[in-house]
Amino acid sequence: MSKGSTILVLGFLLAFLPFTGFPNGIKLAFTVLFGIIVMVLGFLVRQERLWLMRAISGEHKTDAYTENGPSFANTAPVEKV
């Protein structure tokens, strides 16, 4: 299930939670739990959107770095006599 559909389902559950027959303490616990989950998922969706916008604009580059200096990858091994 994607983040967006999870937020939609939790919103649906929050909308109908007052009409269930649960005691007030359980309703409050579900409301707080669902609210925290929606906040976390909303934050993750926002971060993903910002990352994609940076990638599309070319601002987001690769995070791989190389060292400046000679490369020893193409040298032949030295034989000891």
C-alpha atoms as a PDB file:
ATOM      1  CA  MET A   1       0.000   0.000   0.000  1.00  0.00           C
ATOM      2  CA  SER A   2       1.419   3.374  -0.982  1.00  0.00           C
ATOM      3  CA  LYS A   3       1.816   6.283   1.397  1.00  0.00           C
ATOM      4  CA  GLY A   4      -0.996   8.213  -0.260  1.00  0.00           C
ATOM      5  CA  SER A   5      -3.487   5.375  -0.036  1.00  0.00           C
ATOM      6  CA  THR A   6      -2.510   4.743   3.593  1.00  0.00           C
ATOM      7  CA  ILE A   7      -3.224   8.396   4.408  1.00  0.00           C
ATOM      8  CA  LEU A   8      -6.575   8.089   2.629  1.00  0.00           C
ATOM      9  CA  VAL A   9      -7.570   4.964   4.581  1.00  0.00           C
ATOM     10  CA  LEU A  10      -6.503   6.504   7.894  1.00  0.00           C
ATOM     11  CA  GLY A  11      -8.501   9.644   7.076  1.00  0.00           C
ATOM     12  CA  PHE A  12     -11.544   7.496   6.357  1.00  0.00           C
ATOM     13  CA  LEU A  13     -11.110   5.660   9.670  1.00  0.00           C
ATOM     14  CA  LEU A  14     -10.689   8.955  11.539  1.00  0.00           C
ATOM     15  CA  ALA A  15     -13.855  10.334   9.953  1.00  0.00           C
ATOM     16  CA  PHE A  16     -15.961   7.387  11.111  1.00  0.00           C
ATOM     17  CA  LEU A  17     -14.282   6.811  14.471  1.00  0.00           C
ATOM     18  CA  PRO A  18     -16.767   8.999  16.425  1.00  0.00           C
ATOM     19  CA  PHE A  19     -19.672   6.863  15.180  1.00  0.00           C
ATOM     20  CA  THR A  20     -18.228   3.575  16.447  1.00  0.00           C
ATOM     21  CA  GLY A  21     -19.203   2.065  19.769  1.00  0.00           C
ATOM     22  CA  PHE A  22     -15.730   2.190  21.303  1.00  0.00           C
ATOM     23  CA  PRO A  23     -15.287   3.789  24.730  1.00  0.00           C
ATOM     24  CA  ASN A  24     -13.932   7.348  24.760  1.00  0.00           C
ATOM     25  CA  GLY A  25     -10.475   6.272  25.959  1.00  0.00           C
ATOM     26  CA  ILE A  26     -10.026   3.864  23.063  1.00  0.00           C
ATOM     27  CA  LYS A  27     -11.350   6.464  20.590  1.00  0.00           C
ATOM     28  CA  LEU A  28      -8.835   8.972  21.916  1.00  0.00           C
ATOM     29  CA  ALA A  29      -5.991   6.452  21.662  1.00  0.00           C
ATOM     30  CA  PHE A  30      -6.927   5.572  18.061  1.00  0.00           C
ATOM     31  CA  THR A  31      -7.242   9.247  17.157  1.00  0.00           C
ATOM     32  CA  VAL A  32      -3.788  10.053  18.536  1.00  0.00           C
ATOM     33  CA  LEU A  33      -2.218   6.952  16.942  1.00  0.00           C
ATOM     34  CA  PHE A  34      -3.784   7.594  13.528  1.00  0.00           C
ATOM     35  CA  GLY A  35      -2.837  11.271  13.752  1.00  0.00           C
ATOM     36  CA  ILE A  36       0.803  10.456  14.453  1.00  0.00           C
ATOM     37  CA  ILE A  37       0.887   7.969  11.572  1.00  0.00           C
ATOM     38  CA  VAL A  38      -0.650  10.555   9.199  1.00  0.00           C
ATOM     39  CA  MET A  39       1.923  13.150  10.318  1.00  0.00           C
ATOM     40  CA  VAL A  40       4.840  10.772   9.724  1.00  0.00           C
ATOM     41  CA  LEU A  41       3.524   9.690   6.331  1.00  0.00           C
ATOM     42  CA  GLY A  42       2.875  13.312   5.357  1.00  0.00           C
ATOM     43  CA  PHE A  43       6.449  14.207   6.283  1.00  0.00           C
ATOM     44  CA  LEU A  44       7.801  11.286   4.225  1.00  0.00           C
ATOM     45  CA  VAL A  45       5.668  12.243   1.218  1.00  0.00           C
ATOM     46  CA  ARG A  46       6.900  15.848   1.490  1.00  0.00           C
ATOM     47  CA  GLN A  47      10.547  14.774   1.670  1.00  0.00           C
ATOM     48  CA  GLU A  48      10.085  12.475  -1.326  1.00  0.00           C
ATOM     49  CA  ARG A  49       8.436  15.266  -3.326  1.00  0.00           C
ATOM     50  CA  LEU A  50      11.234  17.710  -2.479  1.00  0.00           C
ATOM     51  CA  TRP A  51      13.850  15.141  -3.478  1.00  0.00           C
ATOM     52  CA  LEU A  52      12.095  14.516  -6.797  1.00  0.00           C
ATOM     53  CA  MET A  53      11.801  18.242  -7.503  1.00  0.00           C
ATOM     54  CA  ARG A  54      15.546  18.681  -6.882  1.00  0.00           C
ATOM     55  CA  ALA A  55      16.301  15.707  -9.134  1.00  0.00           C
ATOM     56  CA  ILE A  56      14.135  17.074 -11.954  1.00  0.00           C
ATOM     57  CA  SER A  57      15.644  20.570 -11.736  1.00  0.00           C
ATOM     58  CA  GLY A  58      19.184  19.158 -11.849  1.00  0.00           C
ATOM     59  CA  GLU A  59      20.032  20.508  -8.419  1.00  0.00           C
ATOM     60  CA  HIS A  60      20.302  17.010  -6.946  1.00  0.00           C
ATOM     61  CA  LYS A  61      23.544  15.413  -8.048  1.00  0.00           C
ATOM     62  CA  THR A  62      24.989  12.052  -7.240  1.00  0.00           C
ATOM     63  CA  ASP A  63      26.390  11.635  -3.774  1.00  0.00           C
ATOM     64  CA  ALA A  64      29.398   9.652  -4.973  1.00  0.00           C
ATOM     65  CA  TYR A  65      32.709  11.397  -4.462  1.00  0.00           C
ATOM     66  CA  THR A  66      36.116  10.595  -5.912  1.00  0.00           C
ATOM     67  CA  GLU A  67      39.508  11.433  -4.523  1.00  0.00           C
ATOM     68  CA  ASN A  68      41.811  13.817  -6.331  1.00  0.00           C
ATOM     69  CA  GLY A  69      45.108  12.214  -7.109  1.00  0.00           C
ATOM     70  CA  PRO A  70      46.682   9.438  -9.122  1.00  0.00           C
ATOM     71  CA  SER A  71      44.743   6.281  -9.716  1.00  0.00           C
ATOM     72  CA  PHE A  72      46.494   3.049  -8.924  1.00  0.00           C
ATOM     73  CA  ALA A  73      43.832   0.870 -10.518  1.00  0.00           C
ATOM     74  CA  ASN A  74      45.537   0.630 -13.931  1.00  0.00           C
ATOM     75  CA  THR A  75      49.096  -0.081 -12.763  1.00  0.00           C
ATOM     76  CA  ALA A  76      50.633  -3.486 -13.182  1.00  0.00           C
ATOM     77  CA  PRO A  77      51.774  -5.335 -10.078  1.00  0.00           C
ATOM     78  CA  VAL A  78      55.481  -5.122  -9.305  1.00  0.00           C
ATOM     79  CA  GLU A  79      57.305  -8.464  -9.312  1.00  0.00           C
ATOM     80  CA  LYS A  80      59.890  -9.028  -6.623  1.00  0.00           C
ATOM     81  CA  VAL A  81      63.085 -10.748  -7.660  1.00  0.00           C
END
